[in-house]
Amino acid sequence: MQPQVRPRQTFKPRQTLIGMISSDVRNKTITVKITRYYKHPLLKKYMKATTICHVHDELNLGKQGQRACIEQCRPLSKTKRWTLKHIVDANQEENHDLPAN
């Protein structure tokens, strides 16, 4: 009798979102506000909806007001289900720091 061979599982890619960091007060945790627009089914008008995500930031890189790319992960605590992937745009001072000639 031959052993049964299971088919190889395929994993779908993890969901990534981009949002604005609204709070960086807690240690290793930031709060990211995701804004999306959708068309109301009855009013036929575009509405704005925001979602607040608690994100794990291991190195405390995120600062309030920056845009961040976050990635879905396993539950890390009661409310944290996302990790910080990278900062999309840092402060203007850091981006445009050119040497003086």
C-alpha atoms as a PDB file:
ATOM      1  CA  MET A   1       0.000   0.000   0.000  1.00  0.00           C
ATOM      2  CA  GLN A   2       1.443   3.349  -1.071  1.00  0.00           C
ATOM      3  CA  PRO A   3       1.354   6.374   1.220  1.00  0.00           C
ATOM      4  CA  GLN A   4      -0.987   9.120   0.141  1.00  0.00           C
ATOM      5  CA  VAL A   5       0.690  12.210  -1.234  1.00  0.00           C
ATOM      6  CA  ARG A   6      -0.909  15.504  -0.310  1.00  0.00           C
ATOM      7  CA  PRO A   7      -0.977  18.234  -2.913  1.00  0.00           C
ATOM      8  CA  ARG A   8       1.347  21.126  -2.170  1.00  0.00           C
ATOM      9  CA  GLN A   9      -0.415  24.090  -0.588  1.00  0.00           C
ATOM     10  CA  THR A  10      -0.175  27.403  -2.359  1.00  0.00           C
ATOM     11  CA  PHE A  11      -0.153  30.488  -0.194  1.00  0.00           C
ATOM     12  CA  LYS A  12      -1.670  33.701  -1.427  1.00  0.00           C
ATOM     13  CA  PRO A  13       0.443  36.834  -1.033  1.00  0.00           C
ATOM     14  CA  ARG A  14      -0.054  38.851   2.118  1.00  0.00           C
ATOM     15  CA  GLN A  15      -2.216  41.931   1.886  1.00  0.00           C
ATOM     16  CA  THR A  16      -0.384  45.271   1.903  1.00  0.00           C
ATOM     17  CA  LEU A  17      -1.905  48.708   2.454  1.00  0.00           C
ATOM     18  CA  ILE A  18      -0.596  52.276   2.505  1.00  0.00           C
ATOM     19  CA  GLY A  19      -1.782  54.768   5.110  1.00  0.00           C
ATOM     20  CA  MET A  20      -0.867  57.733   7.280  1.00  0.00           C
ATOM     21  CA  ILE A  21       0.690  57.209  10.715  1.00  0.00           C
ATOM     22  CA  SER A  22      -1.616  58.918  13.199  1.00  0.00           C
ATOM     23  CA  SER A  23       0.074  57.925  16.483  1.00  0.00           C
ATOM     24  CA  ASP A  24       3.542  56.712  17.472  1.00  0.00           C
ATOM     25  CA  VAL A  25       3.337  57.114  21.263  1.00  0.00           C
ATOM     26  CA  ARG A  26       3.438  53.427  22.252  1.00  0.00           C
ATOM     27  CA  ASN A  27       6.613  51.360  22.244  1.00  0.00           C
ATOM     28  CA  LYS A  28       6.938  49.095  19.143  1.00  0.00           C
ATOM     29  CA  THR A  29       3.379  49.961  18.061  1.00  0.00           C
ATOM     30  CA  ILE A  30       2.054  52.620  15.695  1.00  0.00           C
ATOM     31  CA  THR A  31      -1.474  53.477  14.638  1.00  0.00           C
ATOM     32  CA  VAL A  32      -2.044  53.810  10.893  1.00  0.00           C
ATOM     33  CA  LYS A  33      -5.139  55.414   9.381  1.00  0.00           C
ATOM     34  CA  ILE A  34      -6.177  53.889   6.024  1.00  0.00           C
ATOM     35  CA  THR A  35      -8.453  56.092   3.888  1.00  0.00           C
ATOM     36  CA  ARG A  36     -10.550  54.657   1.061  1.00  0.00           C
ATOM     37  CA  TYR A  37     -13.297  56.005  -1.176  1.00  0.00           C
ATOM     38  CA  TYR A  38     -16.362  54.058  -2.248  1.00  0.00           C
ATOM     39  CA  LYS A  39     -19.507  54.846  -4.201  1.00  0.00           C
ATOM     40  CA  HIS A  40     -22.690  54.865  -2.104  1.00  0.00           C
ATOM     41  CA  PRO A  41     -25.213  52.417  -3.630  1.00  0.00           C
ATOM     42  CA  LEU A  42     -28.256  54.646  -3.177  1.00  0.00           C
ATOM     43  CA  LEU A  43     -26.881  58.191  -3.316  1.00  0.00           C
ATOM     44  CA  LYS A  44     -24.375  57.449  -6.134  1.00  0.00           C
ATOM     45  CA  LYS A  45     -21.960  59.729  -4.324  1.00  0.00           C
ATOM     46  CA  TYR A  46     -18.365  58.979  -3.403  1.00  0.00           C
ATOM     47  CA  MET A  47     -17.942  58.600   0.352  1.00  0.00           C
ATOM     48  CA  LYS A  48     -14.748  58.587   2.402  1.00  0.00           C
ATOM     49  CA  ALA A  49     -14.194  55.817   4.938  1.00  0.00           C
ATOM     50  CA  THR A  50     -11.233  55.422   7.280  1.00  0.00           C
ATOM     51  CA  THR A  51      -9.930  52.319   8.998  1.00  0.00           C
ATOM     52  CA  ILE A  52      -7.542  52.423  11.952  1.00  0.00           C
ATOM     53  CA  CYS A  53      -4.949  49.631  12.165  1.00  0.00           C
ATOM     54  CA  HIS A  54      -2.582  48.905  15.028  1.00  0.00           C
ATOM     55  CA  VAL A  55       0.795  48.031  13.501  1.00  0.00           C
ATOM     56  CA  HIS A  56       3.878  46.342  14.977  1.00  0.00           C
ATOM     57  CA  ASP A  57       6.968  48.533  14.496  1.00  0.00           C
ATOM     58  CA  GLU A  58       9.914  46.578  15.886  1.00  0.00           C
ATOM     59  CA  LEU A  59      12.554  49.335  15.462  1.00  0.00           C
ATOM     60  CA  ASN A  60      10.283  52.328  16.233  1.00  0.00           C
ATOM     61  CA  LEU A  61      10.946  53.816  12.765  1.00  0.00           C
ATOM     62  CA  GLY A  62       7.508  55.347  12.142  1.00  0.00           C
ATOM     63  CA  LYS A  63       6.820  58.946  13.131  1.00  0.00           C
ATOM     64  CA  GLN A  64       3.493  60.725  13.174  1.00  0.00           C
ATOM     65  CA  GLY A  65       2.515  62.225   9.791  1.00  0.00           C
ATOM     66  CA  GLN A  66       4.566  59.832   7.636  1.00  0.00           C
ATOM     67  CA  ARG A  67       3.058  57.485   5.062  1.00  0.00           C
ATOM     68  CA  ALA A  68       3.700  53.815   5.768  1.00  0.00           C
ATOM     69  CA  CYS A  69       3.267  50.552   3.900  1.00  0.00           C
ATOM     70  CA  ILE A  70       1.907  47.833   6.207  1.00  0.00           C
ATOM     71  CA  GLU A  71       1.619  44.072   5.709  1.00  0.00           C
ATOM     72  CA  GLN A  72      -0.888  41.656   7.174  1.00  0.00           C
ATOM     73  CA  CYS A  73       0.478  39.027   9.571  1.00  0.00           C
ATOM     74  CA  ARG A  74      -0.595  36.591  12.259  1.00  0.00           C
ATOM     75  CA  PRO A  75      -2.218  38.084  15.382  1.00  0.00           C
ATOM     76  CA  LEU A  76       0.525  39.540  17.582  1.00  0.00           C
ATOM     77  CA  SER A  77      -1.776  40.792  20.344  1.00  0.00           C
ATOM     78  CA  LYS A  78      -5.449  41.495  20.930  1.00  0.00           C
ATOM     79  CA  THR A  79      -5.543  44.304  18.347  1.00  0.00           C
ATOM     80  CA  LYS A  80      -2.300  44.018  16.304  1.00  0.00           C
ATOM     81  CA  ARG A  81      -2.600  42.100  13.016  1.00  0.00           C
ATOM     82  CA  TRP A  82      -0.229  44.170  10.853  1.00  0.00           C
ATOM     83  CA  THR A  83       3.536  44.779  10.644  1.00  0.00           C
ATOM     84  CA  LEU A  84       5.398  47.764   9.245  1.00  0.00           C
ATOM     85  CA  LYS A  85       6.892  46.896   5.849  1.00  0.00           C
ATOM     86  CA  HIS A  86       8.560  50.239   5.087  1.00  0.00           C
ATOM     87  CA  ILE A  87       8.097  53.995   5.306  1.00  0.00           C
ATOM     88  CA  VAL A  88       6.851  55.318   1.951  1.00  0.00           C
ATOM     89  CA  ASP A  89       8.067  58.889   2.353  1.00  0.00           C
ATOM     90  CA  ALA A  90      10.139  60.162   5.249  1.00  0.00           C
ATOM     91  CA  ASN A  91      10.337  63.758   6.465  1.00  0.00           C
ATOM     92  CA  GLN A  92      11.180  66.380   3.857  1.00  0.00           C
ATOM     93  CA  GLU A  93      14.445  67.194   5.652  1.00  0.00           C
ATOM     94  CA  GLU A  94      15.691  63.620   5.327  1.00  0.00           C
ATOM     95  CA  ASN A  95      14.697  63.241   1.653  1.00  0.00           C
ATOM     96  CA  HIS A  96      16.195  66.517   0.408  1.00  0.00           C
ATOM     97  CA  ASP A  97      19.396  66.555   2.438  1.00  0.00           C
ATOM     98  CA  LEU A  98      21.946  67.626  -0.208  1.00  0.00           C
ATOM     99  CA  PRO A  99      25.599  68.452   0.511  1.00  0.00           C
ATOM    100  CA  ALA A 100      26.479  72.149   0.336  1.00  0.00           C
ATOM    101  CA  ASN A 101      28.948  73.069  -2.451  1.00  0.00           C
END
